[in-house]
Amino acid sequence: MKLATWNVNSLAVRLPQVLAWLDTHAVDLLALQETKLTDERFPHGEIENAGYTAHCFGQKTYNGVALLVRQPATEIVHNIPGFADEQARVIAARVGSLRVVGAYFPNG
């Protein structure tokens, strides 16, 4: 399985570059950080047209993480269970036999 991660610093701005990169590299899973989009504004259609399913956990203006996967993902978890944090910084899923965690850790 081919995995990659990318701090996009606004998926709304970087979507064309992300789609082009996915087309060139054809990874099985791409973890995104700093999507800076609410779940409602996430570009699911464009991601699906590229052959991926998006699982996102977003916030308006800052933070936000997502997993773009080719295979079905299950056991999707937002944030760390039992840890009270309002920031959208962690998403996890099971993809096949692999447990994948995508996280954003800002400086400071």
PDB file of N, CA and C in Angstrom:
ATOM      1  N   MET A   1       0.843  -1.175   0.000  1.00  0.00           N
ATOM      2  CA  MET A   1       0.000   0.000   0.000  1.00  0.00           C
ATOM      3  C   MET A   1       0.888   1.239   0.000  1.00  0.00           C
ATOM      4  N   LYS A   2       0.550   2.172  -0.851  1.00  0.00           N
ATOM      5  CA  LYS A   2       1.320   3.406  -0.999  1.00  0.00           C
ATOM      6  C   LYS A   2       0.591   4.540  -0.272  1.00  0.00           C
ATOM      7  N   LEU A   3       1.255   5.125   0.746  1.00  0.00           N
ATOM      8  CA  LEU A   3       0.669   6.181   1.571  1.00  0.00           C
ATOM      9  C   LEU A   3       1.437   7.485   1.395  1.00  0.00           C
ATOM     10  N   ALA A   4       0.721   8.597   1.558  1.00  0.00           N
ATOM     11  CA  ALA A   4       1.378   9.906   1.505  1.00  0.00           C
ATOM     12  C   ALA A   4       0.630  10.858   2.430  1.00  0.00           C
ATOM     13  N   THR A   5       1.285  11.940   2.790  1.00  0.00           N
ATOM     14  CA  THR A   5       0.676  12.973   3.622  1.00  0.00           C
ATOM     15  C   THR A   5       1.053  14.341   3.062  1.00  0.00           C
ATOM     16  N   TRP A   6       0.156  15.331   3.260  1.00  0.00           N
ATOM     17  CA  TRP A   6       0.393  16.654   2.686  1.00  0.00           C
ATOM     18  C   TRP A   6      -0.327  17.703   3.538  1.00  0.00           C
ATOM     19  N   ASN A   7       0.403  18.677   4.019  1.00  0.00           N
ATOM     20  CA  ASN A   7      -0.198  19.838   4.670  1.00  0.00           C
ATOM     21  C   ASN A   7      -0.539  20.819   3.551  1.00  0.00           C
ATOM     22  N   VAL A   8      -1.818  20.863   3.196  1.00  0.00           N
ATOM     23  CA  VAL A   8      -2.235  21.654   2.032  1.00  0.00           C
ATOM     24  C   VAL A   8      -2.437  23.135   2.343  1.00  0.00           C
ATOM     25  N   ASN A   9      -2.545  23.493   3.633  1.00  0.00           N
ATOM     26  CA  ASN A   9      -2.726  24.897   4.020  1.00  0.00           C
ATOM     27  C   ASN A   9      -3.838  25.557   3.202  1.00  0.00           C
ATOM     28  N   SER A  10      -4.993  24.924   3.170  1.00  0.00           N
ATOM     29  CA  SER A  10      -6.224  25.345   2.497  1.00  0.00           C
ATOM     30  C   SER A  10      -6.466  24.493   1.250  1.00  0.00           C
ATOM     31  N   LEU A  11      -7.337  23.514   1.412  1.00  0.00           N
ATOM     32  CA  LEU A  11      -7.675  22.649   0.282  1.00  0.00           C
ATOM     33  C   LEU A  11      -8.432  23.417  -0.795  1.00  0.00           C
ATOM     34  N   ALA A  12      -9.191  24.418  -0.410  1.00  0.00           N
ATOM     35  CA  ALA A  12      -9.907  25.221  -1.408  1.00  0.00           C
ATOM     36  C   ALA A  12      -8.928  25.857  -2.390  1.00  0.00           C
ATOM     37  N   VAL A  13      -7.775  26.278  -1.901  1.00  0.00           N
ATOM     38  CA  VAL A  13      -6.751  26.894  -2.744  1.00  0.00           C
ATOM     39  C   VAL A  13      -5.946  25.832  -3.490  1.00  0.00           C
ATOM     40  N   ARG A  14      -5.625  24.724  -2.842  1.00  0.00           N
ATOM     41  CA  ARG A  14      -4.717  23.715  -3.397  1.00  0.00           C
ATOM     42  C   ARG A  14      -5.397  22.558  -4.131  1.00  0.00           C
ATOM     43  N   LEU A  15      -6.716  22.555  -4.226  1.00  0.00           N
ATOM     44  CA  LEU A  15      -7.403  21.415  -4.836  1.00  0.00           C
ATOM     45  C   LEU A  15      -6.868  21.052  -6.219  1.00  0.00           C
ATOM     46  N   PRO A  16      -6.651  21.993  -7.139  1.00  0.00           N
ATOM     47  CA  PRO A  16      -6.115  21.600  -8.451  1.00  0.00           C
ATOM     48  C   PRO A  16      -4.762  20.889  -8.349  1.00  0.00           C
ATOM     49  N   GLN A  17      -3.895  21.358  -7.459  1.00  0.00           N
ATOM     50  CA  GLN A  17      -2.585  20.719  -7.292  1.00  0.00           C
ATOM     51  C   GLN A  17      -2.727  19.329  -6.674  1.00  0.00           C
ATOM     52  N   VAL A  18      -3.635  19.187  -5.715  1.00  0.00           N
ATOM     53  CA  VAL A  18      -3.852  17.877  -5.087  1.00  0.00           C
ATOM     54  C   VAL A  18      -4.368  16.882  -6.121  1.00  0.00           C
ATOM     55  N   LEU A  19      -5.337  17.289  -6.923  1.00  0.00           N
ATOM     56  CA  LEU A  19      -5.890  16.391  -7.940  1.00  0.00           C
ATOM     57  C   LEU A  19      -4.832  16.003  -8.972  1.00  0.00           C
ATOM     58  N   ALA A  20      -4.019  16.950  -9.399  1.00  0.00           N
ATOM     59  CA  ALA A  20      -2.946  16.647 -10.361  1.00  0.00           C
ATOM     60  C   ALA A  20      -1.927  15.701  -9.743  1.00  0.00           C
ATOM     61  N   TRP A  21      -1.590  15.921  -8.484  1.00  0.00           N
ATOM     62  CA  TRP A  21      -0.621  15.067  -7.800  1.00  0.00           C
ATOM     63  C   TRP A  21      -1.163  13.648  -7.667  1.00  0.00           C
ATOM     64  N   LEU A  22      -2.436  13.515  -7.299  1.00  0.00           N
ATOM     65  CA  LEU A  22      -3.043  12.184  -7.188  1.00  0.00           C
ATOM     66  C   LEU A  22      -3.040  11.470  -8.532  1.00  0.00           C
ATOM     67  N   ASP A  23      -3.305  12.200  -9.594  1.00  0.00           N
ATOM     68  CA  ASP A  23      -3.308  11.608 -10.933  1.00  0.00           C
ATOM     69  C   ASP A  23      -1.924  11.100 -11.314  1.00  0.00           C
ATOM     70  N   THR A  24      -0.899  11.822 -10.937  1.00  0.00           N
ATOM     71  CA  THR A  24       0.480  11.448 -11.264  1.00  0.00           C
ATOM     72  C   THR A  24       1.002  10.321 -10.386  1.00  0.00           C
ATOM     73  N   HIS A  25       0.695  10.362  -9.093  1.00  0.00           N
ATOM     74  CA  HIS A  25       1.313   9.437  -8.140  1.00  0.00           C
ATOM     75  C   HIS A  25       0.441   8.247  -7.762  1.00  0.00           C
ATOM     76  N   ALA A  26      -0.853   8.334  -7.949  1.00  0.00           N
ATOM     77  CA  ALA A  26      -1.775   7.219  -7.711  1.00  0.00           C
ATOM     78  C   ALA A  26      -1.521   6.483  -6.399  1.00  0.00           C
ATOM     79  N   VAL A  27      -1.444   7.233  -5.299  1.00  0.00           N
ATOM     80  CA  VAL A  27      -1.272   6.605  -3.989  1.00  0.00           C
ATOM     81  C   VAL A  27      -2.579   5.925  -3.581  1.00  0.00           C
ATOM     82  N   ASP A  28      -2.482   5.006  -2.642  1.00  0.00           N
ATOM     83  CA  ASP A  28      -3.670   4.334  -2.128  1.00  0.00           C
ATOM     84  C   ASP A  28      -4.381   5.173  -1.075  1.00  0.00           C
ATOM     85  N   LEU A  29      -3.609   5.987  -0.364  1.00  0.00           N
ATOM     86  CA  LEU A  29      -4.174   6.829   0.686  1.00  0.00           C
ATOM     87  C   LEU A  29      -3.365   8.112   0.788  1.00  0.00           C
ATOM     88  N   LEU A  30      -4.069   9.226   0.856  1.00  0.00           N
ATOM     89  CA  LEU A  30      -3.426  10.521   1.072  1.00  0.00           C
ATOM     90  C   LEU A  30      -4.058  11.161   2.301  1.00  0.00           C
ATOM     91  N   ALA A  31      -3.236  11.449   3.305  1.00  0.00           N
ATOM     92  CA  ALA A  31      -3.690  12.159   4.500  1.00  0.00           C
ATOM     93  C   ALA A  31      -3.427  13.646   4.295  1.00  0.00           C
ATOM     94  N   LEU A  32      -4.448  14.457   4.510  1.00  0.00           N
ATOM     95  CA  LEU A  32      -4.325  15.906   4.344  1.00  0.00           C
ATOM     96  C   LEU A  32      -4.448  16.599   5.694  1.00  0.00           C
ATOM     97  N   GLN A  33      -3.662  17.657   5.879  1.00  0.00           N
ATOM     98  CA  GLN A  33      -3.746  18.481   7.071  1.00  0.00           C
ATOM     99  C   GLN A  33      -4.016  19.926   6.657  1.00  0.00           C
ATOM    100  N   GLU A  34      -4.586  20.674   7.590  1.00  0.00           N
ATOM    101  CA  GLU A  34      -4.937  22.083   7.383  1.00  0.00           C
ATOM    102  C   GLU A  34      -5.819  22.271   6.151  1.00  0.00           C
ATOM    103  N   THR A  35      -6.875  21.477   6.059  1.00  0.00           N
ATOM    104  CA  THR A  35      -7.799  21.630   4.934  1.00  0.00           C
ATOM    105  C   THR A  35      -8.554  22.956   5.012  1.00  0.00           C
ATOM    106  N   LYS A  36      -8.779  23.442   6.220  1.00  0.00           N
ATOM    107  CA  LYS A  36      -9.444  24.733   6.457  1.00  0.00           C
ATOM    108  C   LYS A  36     -10.831  24.808   5.823  1.00  0.00           C
ATOM    109  N   LEU A  37     -11.544  23.684   5.844  1.00  0.00           N
ATOM    110  CA  LEU A  37     -12.898  23.606   5.300  1.00  0.00           C
ATOM    111  C   LEU A  37     -13.811  22.898   6.290  1.00  0.00           C
ATOM    112  N   THR A  38     -15.058  23.335   6.369  1.00  0.00           N
ATOM    113  CA  THR A  38     -16.041  22.566   7.119  1.00  0.00           C
ATOM    114  C   THR A  38     -16.354  21.305   6.321  1.00  0.00           C
ATOM    115  N   ASP A  39     -16.918  20.317   6.983  1.00  0.00           N
ATOM    116  CA  ASP A  39     -17.261  19.071   6.291  1.00  0.00           C
ATOM    117  C   ASP A  39     -18.244  19.328   5.150  1.00  0.00           C
ATOM    118  N   GLU A  40     -19.146  20.275   5.338  1.00  0.00           N
ATOM    119  CA  GLU A  40     -20.142  20.591   4.311  1.00  0.00           C
ATOM    120  C   GLU A  40     -19.516  21.197   3.057  1.00  0.00           C
ATOM    121  N   ARG A  41     -18.396  21.862   3.192  1.00  0.00           N
ATOM    122  CA  ARG A  41     -17.746  22.517   2.046  1.00  0.00           C
ATOM    123  C   ARG A  41     -16.653  21.666   1.415  1.00  0.00           C
ATOM    124  N   PHE A  42     -16.411  20.484   1.955  1.00  0.00           N
ATOM    125  CA  PHE A  42     -15.352  19.627   1.430  1.00  0.00           C
ATOM    126  C   PHE A  42     -15.707  19.190   0.002  1.00  0.00           C
ATOM    127  N   PRO A  43     -14.751  19.208  -0.928  1.00  0.00           N
ATOM    128  CA  PRO A  43     -15.021  18.899  -2.341  1.00  0.00           C
ATOM    129  C   PRO A  43     -15.116  17.391  -2.632  1.00  0.00           C
ATOM    130  N   HIS A  44     -16.118  16.744  -2.037  1.00  0.00           N
ATOM    131  CA  HIS A  44     -16.268  15.294  -2.201  1.00  0.00           C
ATOM    132  C   HIS A  44     -16.392  14.886  -3.671  1.00  0.00           C
ATOM    133  N   GLY A  45     -17.156  15.634  -4.454  1.00  0.00           N
ATOM    134  CA  GLY A  45     -17.366  15.275  -5.856  1.00  0.00           C
ATOM    135  C   GLY A  45     -16.081  15.230  -6.656  1.00  0.00           C
ATOM    136  N   GLU A  46     -15.249  16.230  -6.513  1.00  0.00           N
ATOM    137  CA  GLU A  46     -13.985  16.277  -7.242  1.00  0.00           C
ATOM    138  C   GLU A  46     -13.051  15.145  -6.812  1.00  0.00           C
ATOM    139  N   ILE A  47     -13.043  14.858  -5.515  1.00  0.00           N
ATOM    140  CA  ILE A  47     -12.204  13.773  -5.000  1.00  0.00           C
ATOM    141  C   ILE A  47     -12.706  12.431  -5.531  1.00  0.00           C
ATOM    142  N   GLU A  48     -14.022  12.227  -5.532  1.00  0.00           N
ATOM    143  CA  GLU A  48     -14.593  10.981  -6.060  1.00  0.00           C
ATOM    144  C   GLU A  48     -14.304  10.829  -7.548  1.00  0.00           C
ATOM    145  N   ASN A  49     -14.373  11.920  -8.304  1.00  0.00           N
ATOM    146  CA  ASN A  49     -14.050  11.860  -9.735  1.00  0.00           C
ATOM    147  C   ASN A  49     -12.605  11.445  -9.976  1.00  0.00           C
ATOM    148  N   ALA A  50     -11.739  11.691  -8.998  1.00  0.00           N
ATOM    149  CA  ALA A  50     -10.329  11.299  -9.103  1.00  0.00           C
ATOM    150  C   ALA A  50     -10.110   9.848  -8.667  1.00  0.00           C
ATOM    151  N   GLY A  51     -11.175   9.174  -8.224  1.00  0.00           N
ATOM    152  CA  GLY A  51     -11.059   7.766  -7.848  1.00  0.00           C
ATOM    153  C   GLY A  51     -10.859   7.512  -6.367  1.00  0.00           C
ATOM    154  N   TYR A  52     -11.136   8.502  -5.537  1.00  0.00           N
ATOM    155  CA  TYR A  52     -10.924   8.387  -4.093  1.00  0.00           C
ATOM    156  C   TYR A  52     -12.218   8.674  -3.340  1.00  0.00           C
ATOM    157  N   THR A  53     -12.300   8.132  -2.141  1.00  0.00           N
ATOM    158  CA  THR A  53     -13.355   8.491  -1.203  1.00  0.00           C
ATOM    159  C   THR A  53     -12.717   9.349  -0.125  1.00  0.00           C
ATOM    160  N   ALA A  54     -13.366  10.444   0.216  1.00  0.00           N
ATOM    161  CA  ALA A  54     -12.828  11.356   1.226  1.00  0.00           C
ATOM    162  C   ALA A  54     -13.552  11.166   2.552  1.00  0.00           C
ATOM    163  N   HIS A  55     -12.769  11.058   3.601  1.00  0.00           N
ATOM    164  CA  HIS A  55     -13.273  11.067   4.972  1.00  0.00           C
ATOM    165  C   HIS A  55     -12.653  12.299   5.605  1.00  0.00           C
ATOM    166  N   CYS A  56     -13.493  13.233   6.037  1.00  0.00           N
ATOM    167  CA  CYS A  56     -12.956  14.510   6.500  1.00  0.00           C
ATOM    168  C   CYS A  56     -13.465  14.864   7.886  1.00  0.00           C
ATOM    169  N   PHE A  57     -12.708  15.705   8.529  1.00  0.00           N
ATOM    170  CA  PHE A  57     -13.051  16.259   9.834  1.00  0.00           C
ATOM    171  C   PHE A  57     -12.564  17.693   9.791  1.00  0.00           C
ATOM    172  N   GLY A  58     -13.489  18.624   9.574  1.00  0.00           N
ATOM    173  CA  GLY A  58     -13.059  19.981   9.286  1.00  0.00           C
ATOM    174  C   GLY A  58     -13.557  21.040  10.234  1.00  0.00           C
ATOM    175  N   GLN A  59     -12.985  22.201  10.038  1.00  0.00           N
ATOM    176  CA  GLN A  59     -13.342  23.414  10.752  1.00  0.00           C
ATOM    177  C   GLN A  59     -13.239  24.569   9.777  1.00  0.00           C
ATOM    178  N   LYS A  60     -14.033  25.583  10.019  1.00  0.00           N
ATOM    179  CA  LYS A  60     -13.973  26.778   9.189  1.00  0.00           C
ATOM    180  C   LYS A  60     -12.694  27.555   9.497  1.00  0.00           C
ATOM    181  N   THR A  61     -11.989  27.963   8.493  1.00  0.00           N
ATOM    182  CA  THR A  61     -10.849  28.878   8.538  1.00  0.00           C
ATOM    183  C   THR A  61      -9.524  28.251   8.961  1.00  0.00           C
ATOM    184  N   TYR A  62      -9.521  27.273   9.859  1.00  0.00           N
ATOM    185  CA  TYR A  62      -8.238  26.706  10.296  1.00  0.00           C
ATOM    186  C   TYR A  62      -8.412  25.236  10.668  1.00  0.00           C
ATOM    187  N   ASN A  63      -7.293  24.558  10.892  1.00  0.00           N
ATOM    188  CA  ASN A  63      -7.274  23.124  11.199  1.00  0.00           C
ATOM    189  C   ASN A  63      -7.913  22.319  10.066  1.00  0.00           C
ATOM    190  N   GLY A  64      -8.443  21.175  10.377  1.00  0.00           N
ATOM    191  CA  GLY A  64      -9.078  20.310   9.395  1.00  0.00           C
ATOM    192  C   GLY A  64      -8.131  19.253   8.867  1.00  0.00           C
ATOM    193  N   VAL A  65      -8.612  17.998   8.890  1.00  0.00           N
ATOM    194  CA  VAL A  65      -7.834  16.865   8.403  1.00  0.00           C
ATOM    195  C   VAL A  65      -8.731  15.994   7.539  1.00  0.00           C
ATOM    196  N   ALA A  66      -8.117  15.201   6.673  1.00  0.00           N
ATOM    197  CA  ALA A  66      -8.888  14.310   5.810  1.00  0.00           C
ATOM    198  C   ALA A  66      -8.035  13.121   5.397  1.00  0.00           C
ATOM    199  N   LEU A  67      -8.719  12.031   5.091  1.00  0.00           N
ATOM    200  CA  LEU A  67      -8.083  10.857   4.502  1.00  0.00           C
ATOM    201  C   LEU A  67      -8.756  10.613   3.159  1.00  0.00           C
ATOM    202  N   LEU A  68      -7.977  10.567   2.098  1.00  0.00           N
ATOM    203  CA  LEU A  68      -8.476  10.245   0.761  1.00  0.00           C
ATOM    204  C   LEU A  68      -8.027   8.825   0.465  1.00  0.00           C
ATOM    205  N   VAL A  69      -8.983   7.928   0.245  1.00  0.00           N
ATOM    206  CA  VAL A  69      -8.652   6.508   0.121  1.00  0.00           C
ATOM    207  C   VAL A  69      -9.236   5.903  -1.146  1.00  0.00           C
ATOM    208  N   ARG A  70      -8.515   4.938  -1.693  1.00  0.00           N
ATOM    209  CA  ARG A  70      -9.007   4.179  -2.845  1.00  0.00           C
ATOM    210  C   ARG A  70      -9.812   2.962  -2.393  1.00  0.00           C
ATOM    211  N   GLN A  71      -9.397   2.333  -1.300  1.00  0.00           N
ATOM    212  CA  GLN A  71     -10.079   1.158  -0.762  1.00  0.00           C
ATOM    213  C   GLN A  71     -11.112   1.607   0.270  1.00  0.00           C
ATOM    214  N   PRO A  72     -12.083   0.752   0.556  1.00  0.00           N
ATOM    215  CA  PRO A  72     -13.049   1.113   1.600  1.00  0.00           C
ATOM    216  C   PRO A  72     -12.359   1.323   2.947  1.00  0.00           C
ATOM    217  N   ALA A  73     -12.793   2.332   3.664  1.00  0.00           N
ATOM    218  CA  ALA A  73     -12.276   2.614   5.004  1.00  0.00           C
ATOM    219  C   ALA A  73     -13.407   2.401   6.005  1.00  0.00           C
ATOM    220  N   THR A  74     -13.065   1.849   7.152  1.00  0.00           N
ATOM    221  CA  THR A  74     -14.040   1.605   8.208  1.00  0.00           C
ATOM    222  C   THR A  74     -13.503   2.172   9.515  1.00  0.00           C
ATOM    223  N   GLU A  75     -14.313   2.095  10.542  1.00  0.00           N
ATOM    224  CA  GLU A  75     -13.913   2.522  11.886  1.00  0.00           C
ATOM    225  C   GLU A  75     -13.330   3.946  11.876  1.00  0.00           C
ATOM    226  N   ILE A  76     -14.027   4.857  11.220  1.00  0.00           N
ATOM    227  CA  ILE A  76     -13.580   6.251  11.141  1.00  0.00           C
ATOM    228  C   ILE A  76     -13.731   6.900  12.523  1.00  0.00           C
ATOM    229  N   VAL A  77     -12.671   7.528  12.989  1.00  0.00           N
ATOM    230  CA  VAL A  77     -12.681   8.194  14.294  1.00  0.00           C
ATOM    231  C   VAL A  77     -12.197   9.630  14.112  1.00  0.00           C
ATOM    232  N   HIS A  78     -12.945  10.565  14.690  1.00  0.00           N
ATOM    233  CA  HIS A  78     -12.548  11.976  14.692  1.00  0.00           C
ATOM    234  C   HIS A  78     -12.014  12.319  16.069  1.00  0.00           C
ATOM    235  N   ASN A  79     -10.852  12.927  16.113  1.00  0.00           N
ATOM    236  CA  ASN A  79     -10.171  13.291  17.350  1.00  0.00           C
ATOM    237  C   ASN A  79      -9.758  12.045  18.125  1.00  0.00           C
ATOM    238  N   ILE A  80      -9.199  12.248  19.279  1.00  0.00           N
ATOM    239  CA  ILE A  80      -8.728  11.145  20.110  1.00  0.00           C
ATOM    240  C   ILE A  80      -9.833  10.810  21.102  1.00  0.00           C
ATOM    241  N   PRO A  81     -10.346   9.578  21.072  1.00  0.00           N
ATOM    242  CA  PRO A  81     -11.428   9.217  21.999  1.00  0.00           C
ATOM    243  C   PRO A  81     -11.036   9.494  23.454  1.00  0.00           C
ATOM    244  N   GLY A  82     -11.947  10.132  24.182  1.00  0.00           N
ATOM    245  CA  GLY A  82     -11.711  10.434  25.584  1.00  0.00           C
ATOM    246  C   GLY A  82     -10.909  11.700  25.830  1.00  0.00           C
ATOM    247  N   PHE A  83     -10.484  12.367  24.762  1.00  0.00           N
ATOM    248  CA  PHE A  83      -9.697  13.587  24.892  1.00  0.00           C
ATOM    249  C   PHE A  83     -10.557  14.748  24.413  1.00  0.00           C
ATOM    250  N   ALA A  84     -10.956  15.601  25.322  1.00  0.00           N
ATOM    251  CA  ALA A  84     -11.845  16.716  24.989  1.00  0.00           C
ATOM    252  C   ALA A  84     -11.062  17.819  24.281  1.00  0.00           C
ATOM    253  N   ASP A  85     -11.235  17.900  22.964  1.00  0.00           N
ATOM    254  CA  ASP A  85     -10.557  18.917  22.167  1.00  0.00           C
ATOM    255  C   ASP A  85     -11.497  19.339  21.051  1.00  0.00           C
ATOM    256  N   GLU A  86     -11.769  20.616  20.945  1.00  0.00           N
ATOM    257  CA  GLU A  86     -12.674  21.115  19.915  1.00  0.00           C
ATOM    258  C   GLU A  86     -11.987  21.315  18.574  1.00  0.00           C
ATOM    259  N   GLN A  87     -10.690  21.181  18.519  1.00  0.00           N
ATOM    260  CA  GLN A  87      -9.941  21.401  17.283  1.00  0.00           C
ATOM    261  C   GLN A  87     -10.016  20.161  16.391  1.00  0.00           C
ATOM    262  N   ALA A  88     -10.243  20.357  15.108  1.00  0.00           N
ATOM    263  CA  ALA A  88     -10.310  19.252  14.148  1.00  0.00           C
ATOM    264  C   ALA A  88      -8.896  18.928  13.674  1.00  0.00           C
ATOM    265  N   ARG A  89      -8.200  18.107  14.450  1.00  0.00           N
ATOM    266  CA  ARG A  89      -6.790  17.848  14.154  1.00  0.00           C
ATOM    267  C   ARG A  89      -6.430  16.383  13.976  1.00  0.00           C
ATOM    268  N   VAL A  90      -7.338  15.462  14.261  1.00  0.00           N
ATOM    269  CA  VAL A  90      -7.005  14.037  14.169  1.00  0.00           C
ATOM    270  C   VAL A  90      -8.154  13.284  13.511  1.00  0.00           C
ATOM    271  N   ILE A  91      -7.808  12.422  12.560  1.00  0.00           N
ATOM    272  CA  ILE A  91      -8.767  11.507  11.954  1.00  0.00           C
ATOM    273  C   ILE A  91      -8.063  10.161  11.799  1.00  0.00           C
ATOM    274  N   ALA A  92      -8.797   9.093  12.045  1.00  0.00           N
ATOM    275  CA  ALA A  92      -8.215   7.757  11.929  1.00  0.00           C
ATOM    276  C   ALA A  92      -9.215   6.844  11.236  1.00  0.00           C
ATOM    277  N   ALA A  93      -8.701   5.803  10.595  1.00  0.00           N
ATOM    278  CA  ALA A  93      -9.558   4.837   9.915  1.00  0.00           C
ATOM    279  C   ALA A  93      -8.811   3.519   9.743  1.00  0.00           C
ATOM    280  N   ARG A  94      -9.581   2.470   9.551  1.00  0.00           N
ATOM    281  CA  ARG A  94      -9.006   1.178   9.195  1.00  0.00           C
ATOM    282  C   ARG A  94      -9.170   1.025   7.685  1.00  0.00           C
ATOM    283  N   VAL A  95      -8.072   0.733   7.008  1.00  0.00           N
ATOM    284  CA  VAL A  95      -8.075   0.493   5.565  1.00  0.00           C
ATOM    285  C   VAL A  95      -7.433  -0.875   5.374  1.00  0.00           C
ATOM    286  N   GLY A  96      -8.252  -1.859   5.025  1.00  0.00           N
ATOM    287  CA  GLY A  96      -7.751  -3.233   4.987  1.00  0.00           C
ATOM    288  C   GLY A  96      -7.342  -3.643   6.390  1.00  0.00           C
ATOM    289  N   SER A  97      -6.143  -4.171   6.524  1.00  0.00           N
ATOM    290  CA  SER A  97      -5.648  -4.581   7.846  1.00  0.00           C
ATOM    291  C   SER A  97      -4.847  -3.476   8.534  1.00  0.00           C
ATOM    292  N   LEU A  98      -4.779  -2.317   7.917  1.00  0.00           N
ATOM    293  CA  LEU A  98      -3.959  -1.217   8.424  1.00  0.00           C
ATOM    294  C   LEU A  98      -4.817  -0.171   9.141  1.00  0.00           C
ATOM    295  N   ARG A  99      -4.348   0.298  10.283  1.00  0.00           N
ATOM    296  CA  ARG A  99      -4.986   1.409  10.992  1.00  0.00           C
ATOM    297  C   ARG A  99      -4.177   2.656  10.670  1.00  0.00           C
ATOM    298  N   VAL A 100      -4.817   3.663  10.078  1.00  0.00           N
ATOM    299  CA  VAL A 100      -4.129   4.876   9.640  1.00  0.00           C
ATOM    300  C   VAL A 100      -4.620   6.058  10.472  1.00  0.00           C
ATOM    301  N   VAL A 101      -3.685   6.881  10.919  1.00  0.00           N
ATOM    302  CA  VAL A 101      -4.018   8.084  11.675  1.00  0.00           C
ATOM    303  C   VAL A 101      -3.441   9.284  10.929  1.00  0.00           C
ATOM    304  N   GLY A 102      -4.298  10.239  10.621  1.00  0.00           N
ATOM    305  CA  GLY A 102      -3.862  11.498  10.034  1.00  0.00           C
ATOM    306  C   GLY A 102      -4.007  12.574  11.095  1.00  0.00           C
ATOM    307  N   ALA A 103      -2.962  13.345  11.328  1.00  0.00           N
ATOM    308  CA  ALA A 103      -3.008  14.339  12.399  1.00  0.00           C
ATOM    309  C   ALA A 103      -2.304  15.624  11.980  1.00  0.00           C
ATOM    310  N   TYR A 104      -2.792  16.720  12.543  1.00  0.00           N
ATOM    311  CA  TYR A 104      -2.179  18.030  12.332  1.00  0.00           C
ATOM    312  C   TYR A 104      -1.720  18.549  13.684  1.00  0.00           C
ATOM    313  N   PHE A 105      -0.431  18.835  13.794  1.00  0.00           N
ATOM    314  CA  PHE A 105       0.157  19.359  15.022  1.00  0.00           C
ATOM    315  C   PHE A 105       0.789  20.714  14.718  1.00  0.00           C
ATOM    316  N   PRO A 106       0.086  21.807  15.027  1.00  0.00           N
ATOM    317  CA  PRO A 106       0.646  23.129  14.734  1.00  0.00           C
ATOM    318  C   PRO A 106       1.821  23.457  15.645  1.00  0.00           C
ATOM    319  N   ASN A 107       2.654  24.365  15.188  1.00  0.00           N
ATOM    320  CA  ASN A 107       3.765  24.844  16.020  1.00  0.00           C
ATOM    321  C   ASN A 107       3.208  25.602  17.213  1.00  0.00           C
ATOM    322  N   GLY A 108       3.935  25.535  18.307  1.00  0.00           N
ATOM    323  CA  GLY A 108       3.562  26.343  19.461  1.00  0.00           C
ATOM    324  C   GLY A 108       2.853  25.645  20.523  1.00  0.00           C
TER     325      GLY A 108
END
